């Protein structure tokens, strides 16, 4: 199934999309606007925390239906290739079929990258700008190739 590029997504916890009667991902317009807002505000200079607080203030729930937006949740949206219509398959793998325990796939099994698997919410250029900005901001705090924090003696 993965080798054929068939994409399966847990759309119930994935903001911006739902599945149609044929099982294809389709855009939920109201949720897509929230995704676009997150990208826009981040590229305008807002922090992950600031974006989360603004969403909470506006009463917008997370994909899991929770009122609290964690910075990690905002960052996952910014880094999720599915918003440009692509899909990286087998990001996680089941390591114990009895307990159904899943772990991040760090070379356990092959991963497959499927381009244009569904309709995009975010243009690819905007997504790439967000990735560059995430990288740039992380280097501000650690310095390129360093594990040092600014304003720290370590």
Protein backbone atom coordinates (compact mmCIF):
# COMPACT_ATOMS: atom_id res chain seq x y z
CA UNK A 1 0.00 0.00 0.00
CA UNK A 2 2.81 2.46 0.89
CA UNK A 3 4.84 1.54 -2.18
CA UNK A 4 1.80 2.33 -4.32
CA UNK A 5 1.60 5.77 -2.70
CA UNK A 6 -1.76 5.17 -1.03
CA UNK A 7 -2.07 7.72 1.74
CA UNK A 8 -3.92 7.06 4.97
CA UNK A 9 -4.29 9.89 7.45
CA UNK A 10 -5.98 10.04 10.83
CA UNK A 11 -8.13 12.97 9.71
CA UNK A 12 -9.97 13.20 13.02
CA UNK A 13 -6.86 14.70 14.66
CA UNK A 14 -5.59 16.45 11.55
CA UNK A 15 -6.80 20.02 11.19
CA UNK A 16 -7.83 21.26 7.76
CA UNK A 17 -8.97 18.02 6.18
CA UNK A 18 -11.66 15.39 6.36
CA UNK A 19 -12.34 12.34 4.19
CA UNK A 20 -15.02 12.08 1.53
CA UNK A 21 -17.14 8.97 0.91
CA UNK A 22 -14.35 7.49 -1.24
CA UNK A 23 -11.77 7.94 1.53
CA UNK A 24 -9.97 10.84 -0.18
CA UNK A 25 -8.75 13.84 1.82
CA UNK A 26 -10.83 16.95 1.23
CA UNK A 27 -10.30 20.43 2.62
CA UNK A 28 -12.51 21.78 5.42
CA UNK A 29 -12.58 25.51 4.51
CA UNK A 30 -13.02 26.89 8.06
CA UNK A 31 -10.12 24.79 9.38
CA UNK A 32 -7.98 25.59 6.33
CA UNK A 33 -8.29 29.29 7.23
CA UNK A 34 -6.83 28.52 10.67
CA UNK A 35 -3.88 26.71 9.05
CA UNK A 36 -3.29 29.66 6.70
CA UNK A 37 -3.47 32.04 9.65
CA UNK A 38 -0.81 30.05 11.55
CA UNK A 39 1.59 30.18 8.59
CA UNK A 40 0.88 33.88 7.95
CA UNK A 41 1.38 34.93 11.57
CA UNK A 42 4.55 32.87 11.93
CA UNK A 43 6.08 34.39 8.81
CA UNK A 44 5.03 37.86 10.05
CA UNK A 45 7.24 37.27 13.09
CA UNK A 46 4.87 35.87 15.71
CA UNK A 47 6.27 33.26 18.09
CA UNK A 48 4.81 29.77 18.47
CA UNK A 49 3.59 30.75 21.94
CA UNK A 50 2.10 34.00 20.62
CA UNK A 51 0.22 32.21 17.85
CA UNK A 52 -1.14 29.67 20.33
CA UNK A 53 -2.29 32.39 22.72
CA UNK A 54 -4.04 34.29 19.91
CA UNK A 55 -5.86 31.14 18.80
CA UNK A 56 -6.93 30.44 22.39
CA UNK A 57 -8.09 34.05 22.81
CA UNK A 58 -10.23 33.67 19.69
CA UNK A 59 -11.76 30.45 21.07
CA UNK A 60 -10.30 28.22 18.36
CA UNK A 61 -9.93 24.57 19.41
CA UNK A 62 -7.06 22.28 18.39
CA UNK A 63 -7.65 19.35 16.02
CA UNK A 64 -8.06 17.20 19.14
CA UNK A 65 -10.83 19.54 20.32
CA UNK A 66 -8.82 21.07 23.15
CA UNK A 67 -8.81 24.78 24.03
CA UNK A 68 -5.06 24.90 24.87
CA UNK A 69 -2.63 25.36 21.97
CA UNK A 70 0.86 24.15 22.84
CA UNK A 71 3.85 25.62 20.97
CA UNK A 72 4.73 22.08 19.80
CA UNK A 73 1.27 21.75 18.21
CA UNK A 74 1.74 24.98 16.27
CA UNK A 75 5.23 23.89 15.17
CA UNK A 76 3.93 20.48 14.00
CA UNK A 77 1.41 22.26 11.78
CA UNK A 78 4.19 24.45 10.36
CA UNK A 79 6.35 21.38 9.64
CA UNK A 80 3.65 19.05 8.29
CA UNK A 81 4.19 18.35 4.58
CA UNK A 82 0.55 17.29 4.21
CA UNK A 83 -0.45 20.96 4.09
CA UNK A 84 1.31 21.30 0.70
CA UNK A 85 -0.50 18.23 -0.65
CA UNK A 86 2.37 15.79 -0.06
CA UNK A 87 2.64 12.90 2.37
CA UNK A 88 5.57 11.17 4.07
CA UNK A 89 4.37 7.64 4.73
CA UNK A 90 5.45 5.45 7.66
CA UNK A 91 6.59 8.28 9.93
CA UNK A 92 5.89 5.91 12.80
CA UNK A 93 5.96 2.13 13.06
CA UNK A 94 4.21 -0.36 15.32
CA UNK A 95 6.83 -2.13 17.44
CA UNK A 96 4.44 -4.20 19.56
CA UNK A 97 1.31 -5.50 17.88
CA UNK A 98 -0.22 -6.65 21.17
CA UNK A 99 -0.04 -3.25 22.87
CA UNK A 100 -0.14 -1.38 19.52
CA UNK A 101 2.86 0.68 20.69
CA UNK A 102 4.17 2.96 17.94
CA UNK A 103 7.51 4.74 17.76
CA UNK A 104 9.08 7.27 15.42
CA UNK A 105 10.47 5.49 12.36
CA UNK A 106 14.21 6.03 12.58
CA UNK A 107 15.24 3.57 9.89
CA UNK A 108 13.10 0.63 11.06
CA UNK A 109 11.26 0.38 7.73
CA UNK A 110 11.42 2.36 4.46
CA UNK A 111 9.57 5.66 4.25
CA UNK A 112 7.84 6.85 1.10
CA UNK A 113 7.33 10.47 0.04
CA UNK A 114 4.25 10.98 -2.13
CA UNK A 115 3.92 14.32 -3.92
CA UNK A 116 0.51 15.78 -4.80
CA UNK A 117 -1.39 13.04 -2.97
CA UNK A 118 -4.21 15.44 -2.11
CA UNK A 119 -5.24 19.09 -2.44
CA UNK A 120 -2.88 21.56 -0.76
CA UNK A 121 -3.91 24.21 1.76
CA UNK A 122 -0.54 26.00 1.77
CA UNK A 123 1.52 26.83 -1.35
CA UNK A 124 4.86 25.01 -1.44
CA UNK A 125 6.81 28.32 -1.48
CA UNK A 126 5.11 29.44 1.75
CA UNK A 127 5.82 26.07 3.39
CA UNK A 128 9.50 26.30 2.41
CA UNK A 129 9.69 29.87 3.78
CA UNK A 130 8.28 28.60 7.08
CA UNK A 131 10.91 25.81 7.21
CA UNK A 132 13.68 28.34 6.59
CA UNK A 133 12.27 30.61 9.30
CA UNK A 134 12.07 27.72 11.79
CA UNK A 135 15.72 26.91 11.03
CA UNK A 136 16.73 30.58 11.26
CA UNK A 137 15.02 31.06 14.62
CA UNK A 138 16.56 27.89 16.05
CA UNK A 139 20.02 29.19 15.05
CA UNK A 140 19.38 32.51 16.81
CA UNK A 141 19.12 30.65 20.09
CA UNK A 142 21.76 27.98 19.62
CA UNK A 143 24.10 29.43 17.01
CA UNK A 144 24.94 27.50 13.85
CA UNK A 145 26.60 24.25 14.91
CA UNK A 146 26.68 25.17 18.62
CA UNK A 147 24.77 24.00 21.65
CA UNK A 148 25.05 27.40 23.28
CA UNK A 149 22.24 29.68 24.38
CA UNK A 150 22.62 33.42 23.99
CA UNK A 151 22.91 35.35 27.26
CA UNK A 152 24.29 32.21 28.88
CA UNK A 153 27.76 31.35 30.13
CA UNK A 154 27.38 27.78 28.86
